[in-house]
Amino acid sequence: MAKQAAIVLNYALNSVALEDELTSAELSFDQEVIKVDGFSSVGPEKVTGNYDWGVSLEGTFDGAASQGDATLFALKGSAGVASAFDPTGEAAGSDDPNYDGTVVLESYSIKAAVGAAVTYSAKLPGASALTRTVA
């Protein structure tokens, strides 16, 4: 698959498509790396443990019932909802990985400034395994 512009990303939170208002979306994960070398080690020895993942969003505020504000605000106190991060904007396929899992709401902020659009940002840490689907 050829390289693509970021405009094709699809992102759904709790089955609500948010890509029409998103200006930035990031999926990240961190692998736990544990140092296990001892006195007789010749160099560093490491093993991997669990991982942590999450999604960060930024967008233009839309207060409609089926948009980002209503969807994110409803997550306060939630035990978790589905997150679907599709960077190619296509259904899962050999060249179109989709990343899915359950997220909780860590933070949500709305920003307004004179002469600028009202925007929001949110952090959604993973609360389940992150899966990469390609077919």
Protein backbone atom coordinates (compact mmCIF):
# COMPACT_ATOMS: atom_id res chain seq x y z
CA MET A 1 0.00 0.00 0.00
CA ALA A 2 1.21 3.49 -0.81
CA LYS A 3 1.82 6.14 1.81
CA GLN A 4 -1.28 8.14 2.64
CA ALA A 5 -2.34 11.54 3.88
CA ALA A 6 -3.78 11.61 7.40
CA ILE A 7 -7.20 12.67 6.12
CA VAL A 8 -8.30 9.07 5.61
CA LEU A 9 -8.27 8.07 9.31
CA ASN A 10 -11.48 6.70 10.80
CA TYR A 11 -11.97 6.73 14.56
CA ALA A 12 -15.03 5.52 16.42
CA LEU A 13 -15.62 5.75 20.15
CA ASN A 14 -18.48 3.70 21.57
CA SER A 15 -19.64 3.20 17.94
CA VAL A 16 -19.77 6.99 17.31
CA ALA A 17 -17.66 8.10 14.32
CA LEU A 18 -15.61 11.15 15.34
CA GLU A 19 -13.33 11.66 12.34
CA ASP A 20 -15.49 14.49 10.97
CA GLU A 21 -14.42 16.72 13.88
CA LEU A 22 -10.99 15.32 14.78
CA THR A 23 -7.92 17.36 13.91
CA SER A 24 -5.46 14.98 15.56
CA ALA A 25 -5.64 11.37 16.73
CA GLU A 26 -2.85 9.29 18.21
CA LEU A 27 -2.72 5.64 19.18
CA SER A 28 0.29 4.70 21.29
CA PHE A 29 1.46 1.79 23.36
CA ASP A 30 4.38 1.26 25.70
CA GLN A 31 5.98 -2.14 26.29
CA GLU A 32 7.17 -2.84 29.83
CA VAL A 33 10.89 -3.63 29.70
CA ILE A 34 12.45 -5.06 32.86
CA LYS A 35 16.19 -5.08 33.50
CA VAL A 36 17.27 -8.50 34.80
CA ASP A 37 21.06 -8.50 34.47
CA GLY A 38 23.17 -9.78 37.33
CA PHE A 39 26.75 -9.50 38.54
CA SER A 40 28.05 -11.94 35.91
CA SER A 41 26.17 -10.37 32.98
CA VAL A 42 28.39 -9.24 30.11
CA GLY A 43 25.87 -6.65 28.95
CA PRO A 44 22.33 -5.61 29.62
CA GLU A 45 19.70 -8.35 29.95
CA LYS A 46 16.05 -7.48 29.63
CA VAL A 47 12.68 -9.22 29.49
CA THR A 48 9.35 -7.79 28.46
CA GLY A 49 6.27 -7.69 30.63
CA ASN A 50 2.84 -6.28 30.00
CA TYR A 51 2.05 -3.24 27.86
CA ASP A 52 -0.03 -0.12 28.22
CA TRP A 53 -1.85 1.65 25.40
CA GLY A 54 -4.17 4.55 24.79
CA VAL A 55 -5.65 7.07 22.40
CA SER A 56 -5.25 10.86 22.46
CA LEU A 57 -7.71 13.01 20.53
CA GLU A 58 -7.98 16.66 19.53
CA GLY A 59 -10.84 18.13 17.60
CA THR A 60 -13.19 20.96 16.82
CA PHE A 61 -16.02 21.11 19.35
CA ASP A 62 -19.43 19.92 18.17
CA GLY A 63 -22.16 19.95 20.80
CA ALA A 64 -24.64 17.83 18.81
CA ALA A 65 -26.10 14.79 20.54
CA SER A 66 -24.25 12.25 18.39
CA GLN A 67 -20.84 13.93 18.28
CA GLY A 68 -17.64 14.12 20.34
CA ASP A 69 -18.76 16.26 23.27
CA ALA A 70 -21.79 14.15 24.13
CA THR A 71 -19.86 10.91 23.56
CA LEU A 72 -16.85 11.90 25.67
CA PHE A 73 -18.84 13.55 28.47
CA ALA A 74 -20.96 10.40 28.82
CA LEU A 75 -17.80 8.41 29.63
CA LYS A 76 -17.20 9.96 33.06
CA GLY A 77 -17.46 7.08 35.50
CA SER A 78 -17.70 4.52 32.69
CA ALA A 79 -15.97 1.14 33.05
CA GLY A 80 -14.99 1.29 29.38
CA VAL A 81 -16.26 1.50 25.81
CA ALA A 82 -15.13 0.31 22.39
CA SER A 83 -12.40 2.20 20.54
CA ALA A 84 -11.82 1.58 16.81
CA PHE A 85 -8.72 3.23 15.31
CA ASP A 86 -8.47 2.72 11.55
CA PRO A 87 -5.51 4.72 10.16
CA THR A 88 -6.19 3.85 6.51
CA GLY A 89 -9.92 4.57 6.65
CA GLU A 90 -10.62 1.15 5.15
CA ALA A 91 -11.98 -2.12 6.48
CA ALA A 92 -9.34 -4.42 7.96
CA GLY A 93 -7.21 -6.07 5.27
CA SER A 94 -3.63 -7.17 4.62
CA ASP A 95 -2.55 -3.55 3.98
CA ASP A 96 -5.19 -1.92 6.20
CA PRO A 97 -4.65 -2.70 9.89
CA ASN A 98 -7.40 -1.74 12.33
CA TYR A 99 -6.61 -1.35 16.05
CA ASP A 100 -9.43 -2.11 18.47
CA GLY A 101 -9.90 -2.36 22.22
CA THR A 102 -11.71 -0.91 25.20
CA VAL A 103 -10.83 2.53 26.60
CA VAL A 104 -11.81 4.61 29.63
CA LEU A 105 -11.85 8.39 29.88
CA GLU A 106 -8.83 9.85 31.71
CA SER A 107 -9.30 13.50 30.77
CA TYR A 108 -11.45 15.73 28.59
CA SER A 109 -10.95 19.48 28.14
CA ILE A 110 -12.69 22.14 26.07
CA LYS A 111 -10.76 25.22 25.00
CA ALA A 112 -12.04 28.53 23.66
CA ALA A 113 -9.96 31.58 22.73
CA VAL A 114 -10.81 34.89 21.12
CA GLY A 115 -10.52 34.64 17.35
CA ALA A 116 -10.21 30.85 17.37
CA ALA A 117 -12.45 27.82 17.05
CA VAL A 118 -13.71 26.05 20.16
CA THR A 119 -11.67 22.85 20.43
CA TYR A 120 -11.36 19.85 22.71
CA SER A 121 -8.81 17.24 23.69
CA ALA A 122 -9.19 13.88 25.40
CA LYS A 123 -6.99 11.10 26.76
CA LEU A 124 -8.39 7.58 26.65
CA PRO A 125 -6.14 4.89 28.18
CA GLY A 126 -6.70 1.29 27.19
CA ALA A 127 -8.68 -0.93 29.58
CA SER A 128 -8.35 -4.22 27.68
CA ALA A 129 -6.08 -5.95 25.21
CA LEU A 130 -5.30 -3.99 22.04
CA THR A 131 -5.91 -6.03 18.91
CA ARG A 132 -4.52 -5.46 15.42
CA THR A 133 -6.88 -6.86 12.80
CA VAL A 134 -5.72 -7.26 9.19
CA ALA A 135 -8.32 -9.58 7.68
